[in-house]
Protein backbone atom coordinates (compact mmCIF):
# COMPACT_ATOMS: atom_id res chain seq x y z
CA MET A 1 -80.82 -71.47 37.82
CA THR A 2 -79.24 -68.70 39.78
CA ALA A 3 -77.42 -68.64 43.30
CA GLN A 4 -80.06 -66.71 44.58
CA ASP A 5 -83.02 -68.83 43.29
CA MET A 6 -81.18 -71.72 44.75
CA GLN A 7 -81.15 -70.38 47.60
CA ARG A 8 -84.75 -69.50 47.91
CA ARG A 9 -85.80 -72.65 46.68
CA ASN A 10 -83.50 -74.49 49.41
CA LEU A 11 -85.49 -72.28 51.78
CA LEU A 12 -88.18 -73.10 50.63
CA ARG A 13 -87.70 -76.50 50.85
CA TRP A 14 -86.33 -76.85 54.66
CA ALA A 15 -89.30 -74.77 55.47
CA GLY A 16 -91.80 -77.87 55.20
CA THR A 17 -93.58 -76.41 52.17
CA GLY A 18 -92.54 -79.03 50.06
CA ALA A 19 -92.51 -76.09 46.91
CA VAL A 20 -89.78 -74.76 44.81
CA ALA A 21 -88.81 -71.67 43.81
CA THR A 22 -87.55 -71.50 40.33
CA ALA A 23 -86.61 -67.66 38.12
CA ALA A 24 -90.79 -68.10 37.02
CA GLY A 25 -92.04 -68.15 40.23
CA VAL A 26 -93.36 -71.09 42.67
CA VAL A 27 -94.11 -74.67 41.78
CA GLY A 28 -96.66 -76.05 44.78
CA LEU A 29 -97.02 -79.85 45.11
CA THR A 30 -100.01 -79.73 43.08
CA GLY A 31 -98.03 -78.78 40.28
CA GLN A 32 -99.32 -75.57 40.34
CA ALA A 33 -97.42 -71.69 39.46
CA GLN A 34 -97.81 -69.75 42.34
CA ALA A 35 -96.80 -66.40 43.12
CA ALA A 36 -92.87 -66.14 44.40
CA PRO A 37 -92.03 -65.43 47.90
CA ARG A 38 -90.97 -61.40 48.35
CA ALA A 39 -88.34 -60.26 50.66
CA SER A 40 -90.92 -58.16 53.39
CA THR A 41 -91.46 -55.12 53.72
CA ASP A 42 -93.25 -55.34 57.34
CA PRO A 43 -90.79 -53.28 59.70
CA ARG A 44 -91.35 -55.98 61.80
CA GLN A 45 -90.83 -58.75 59.84
CA THR A 46 -87.11 -57.23 59.33
CA ALA A 47 -86.84 -56.73 62.48
CA ARG A 48 -87.96 -60.56 63.80
CA GLU A 49 -85.31 -61.43 61.29
CA GLN A 50 -82.56 -59.52 62.23
CA ALA A 51 -83.00 -60.29 65.92
CA ASN A 52 -83.30 -64.16 64.50
CA LYS A 53 -80.08 -63.98 63.08
CA ALA A 54 -78.45 -61.86 66.37
CA ILE A 55 -79.21 -65.42 68.32
CA VAL A 56 -78.42 -67.53 65.97
CA GLY A 57 -74.60 -65.52 65.66
CA ARG A 58 -74.75 -65.49 69.82
CA TRP A 59 -75.77 -69.44 69.68
CA PHE A 60 -72.93 -70.51 66.63
CA ASP A 61 -70.28 -68.49 68.93
CA GLY A 62 -71.16 -69.38 72.30
CA PHE A 63 -71.86 -73.31 70.91
CA TRP A 64 -70.29 -74.15 68.15
CA GLY A 65 -67.04 -72.08 68.78
CA PRO A 66 -63.83 -72.08 70.11
CA THR A 67 -65.05 -71.22 73.58
CA TYR A 68 -68.38 -73.56 74.58
CA ASP A 69 -70.28 -71.79 77.18
CA PRO A 70 -72.89 -74.53 78.42
CA ALA A 71 -75.29 -71.82 79.71
CA ILE A 72 -75.21 -70.35 75.98
CA VAL A 73 -78.09 -73.56 76.03
CA GLU A 74 -80.10 -72.73 78.90
CA ALA A 75 -80.40 -69.23 77.42
CA LEU A 76 -80.84 -69.28 73.71
CA ALA A 77 -81.68 -73.37 73.21
CA ALA A 78 -86.32 -74.74 73.77
CA PRO A 79 -86.95 -76.76 76.72
CA ASP A 80 -87.07 -79.58 73.68
CA MET A 81 -84.53 -77.93 70.96
CA LEU A 82 -84.14 -80.42 68.19
CA LEU A 83 -80.16 -80.68 67.24
CA GLN A 84 -79.62 -83.25 63.84
CA TYR A 85 -76.47 -83.08 62.01
CA SER A 86 -76.06 -86.23 59.85
CA LEU A 87 -72.68 -87.40 61.50
CA HIS A 88 -74.50 -87.50 65.05
CA VAL A 89 -77.16 -89.38 66.82
CA PRO A 90 -79.96 -86.45 67.11
CA ARG A 91 -80.47 -84.97 70.30
CA ARG A 92 -83.75 -83.43 72.13
CA GLY A 93 -84.16 -80.85 74.97
CA ARG A 94 -81.36 -79.01 76.83
CA THR A 95 -79.85 -81.83 79.00
CA ASP A 96 -79.08 -84.28 76.05
CA ILE A 97 -77.74 -80.99 73.81
CA ARG A 98 -75.40 -80.37 76.71
CA ALA A 99 -74.00 -83.48 77.29
CA PHE A 100 -73.27 -84.33 73.62
CA MET A 101 -70.99 -81.06 73.13
CA LYS A 102 -69.47 -82.11 76.26
CA ASP A 103 -68.64 -85.29 75.24
CA PHE A 104 -67.60 -83.80 71.98
CA ARG A 105 -65.11 -81.35 73.22
CA ALA A 106 -63.88 -84.24 75.81
CA SER A 107 -63.04 -85.60 72.72
CA PHE A 108 -62.18 -82.87 70.56
CA PRO A 109 -60.27 -80.48 73.25
CA ASN A 110 -59.63 -78.03 70.08
CA LEU A 111 -63.91 -78.22 68.43
CA ALA A 112 -64.58 -75.13 66.80
CA PHE A 113 -66.48 -74.04 64.08
CA ALA A 114 -67.04 -70.69 61.76
CA GLY A 115 -69.64 -69.15 59.33
CA THR A 116 -68.00 -69.08 56.22
CA ALA A 117 -70.44 -66.60 55.18
CA PRO A 118 -73.06 -63.83 56.12
CA LEU A 119 -76.84 -65.60 57.96
CA ILE A 120 -79.51 -65.33 55.60
CA ALA A 121 -83.45 -65.23 57.35
CA GLN A 122 -86.80 -65.88 56.45
CA GLY A 123 -89.47 -65.61 59.19
CA ASP A 124 -88.84 -67.97 61.29
CA LEU A 125 -85.61 -69.38 59.92
CA VAL A 126 -82.29 -68.60 59.96
CA VAL A 127 -79.53 -70.42 57.76
CA GLY A 128 -75.80 -70.52 57.64
CA ARG A 129 -73.21 -71.85 56.27
CA TRP A 130 -69.53 -73.21 58.40
CA LEU A 131 -66.07 -74.63 58.28
CA GLY A 132 -64.24 -75.97 61.26
CA GLY A 133 -63.10 -78.98 63.04
CA GLY A 134 -60.98 -80.26 65.94
CA THR A 135 -57.95 -82.66 67.01
CA HIS A 136 -59.23 -85.89 68.32
CA THR A 137 -56.87 -85.22 71.82
CA GLY A 138 -58.86 -86.16 73.99
CA ALA A 139 -61.89 -88.91 75.71
CA ALA A 140 -62.85 -91.60 73.13
CA PHE A 141 -65.97 -90.64 71.01
CA SER A 142 -69.19 -93.05 70.47
CA ASP A 143 -71.51 -90.36 68.73
CA PHE A 144 -70.51 -91.08 64.89
CA LEU A 145 -73.20 -92.67 63.39
CA LEU A 146 -70.43 -94.85 61.90
CA GLY A 147 -68.49 -96.24 63.54
CA SER A 148 -66.09 -94.90 67.10
CA LEU A 149 -63.51 -93.83 67.88
CA PRO A 150 -60.75 -94.98 70.80
CA ALA A 151 -59.05 -92.56 73.17
CA ALA A 152 -56.54 -90.04 71.61
CA THR A 153 -56.13 -90.90 67.98
CA GLY A 154 -54.53 -87.51 67.16
CA ARG A 155 -56.70 -87.59 64.09
CA LYS A 156 -57.66 -84.43 62.77
CA MET A 157 -61.19 -83.53 61.20
CA HIS A 158 -62.18 -80.22 59.08
CA PHE A 159 -65.47 -79.98 56.80
CA SER A 160 -68.20 -77.84 56.57
CA GLY A 161 -72.21 -77.81 56.03
CA THR A 162 -74.75 -75.76 56.19
CA THR A 163 -77.67 -75.22 59.15
CA VAL A 164 -81.15 -74.49 59.68
CA LEU A 165 -82.48 -73.17 62.80
CA ARG A 166 -86.15 -72.83 63.66
CA LEU A 167 -86.95 -70.16 66.17
CA ALA A 168 -89.84 -69.26 68.12
CA GLY A 169 -90.00 -66.97 70.93
CA GLY A 170 -86.75 -66.39 70.87
CA ARG A 171 -85.68 -69.79 71.08
CA ILE A 172 -84.03 -72.37 68.51
CA VAL A 173 -86.67 -74.52 68.60
CA GLU A 174 -84.62 -76.56 65.84
CA GLU A 175 -81.34 -77.20 64.70
CA ILE A 176 -81.01 -79.35 61.39
CA GLY A 177 -77.49 -79.21 59.28
CA LEU A 178 -75.95 -80.99 56.50
CA ASP A 179 -72.14 -81.38 56.93
CA ASP A 180 -69.49 -83.26 55.10
CA GLY A 181 -69.85 -86.56 57.24
CA VAL A 182 -67.92 -88.40 54.47
CA THR A 183 -64.92 -85.72 54.75
CA ALA A 184 -64.82 -86.15 58.42
CA LEU A 185 -65.29 -89.63 59.02
CA THR A 186 -62.73 -90.45 56.29
CA GLN A 187 -60.39 -88.24 57.80
CA LEU A 188 -60.68 -89.76 61.23
CA GLY A 189 -60.12 -93.12 59.71
CA LEU A 190 -64.02 -94.15 60.24
CA VAL A 191 -64.05 -94.78 56.56
CA ALA A 192 -61.97 -96.15 53.51
CA PRO A 193 -60.67 -93.27 51.06
CA ILE A 194 -62.25 -93.90 48.05
CA ARG A 195 -60.11 -94.84 44.86
CA ALA A 196 -60.49 -93.61 41.39
């Protein structure tokens, strides 16, 4: 399976279709072969996908970048946006998402994430790969699903992940990511290192 086939396969799974793409086409939930999705040739679709990538780029810079702008949440997040990563309790709504980032940055003042590959868009979905982290020099932090940190441990985390964002009407409705949580939690001392 080629890298392009893997991307298509994952996009279809993330889109919630349950279909799986292969080099030979798409296999639906029934096991019946279907035509593989083709890149849009509709200029309106392509323009929308480019606009969605621009919105996500602004979001990644203003929300996850080195300088957090709380106004970005009001500007780009849908009122009931879902923010979900494997490291943290899922967050819903602008107020909850702003509170999450305020607390995260109070604990990790140099928190920053950046893209490691161009964004990929298909329809209302945008996918991004990223790398980042920070040093825990601030307040205690208890939002990890597996453990809490007392204030200012000085521990560093540096990890990667992939995020799928769904947009509607120029707003981010969902941001669901899969991060290398084991690496981050091990670096922070919340999970014991695996011994060979």
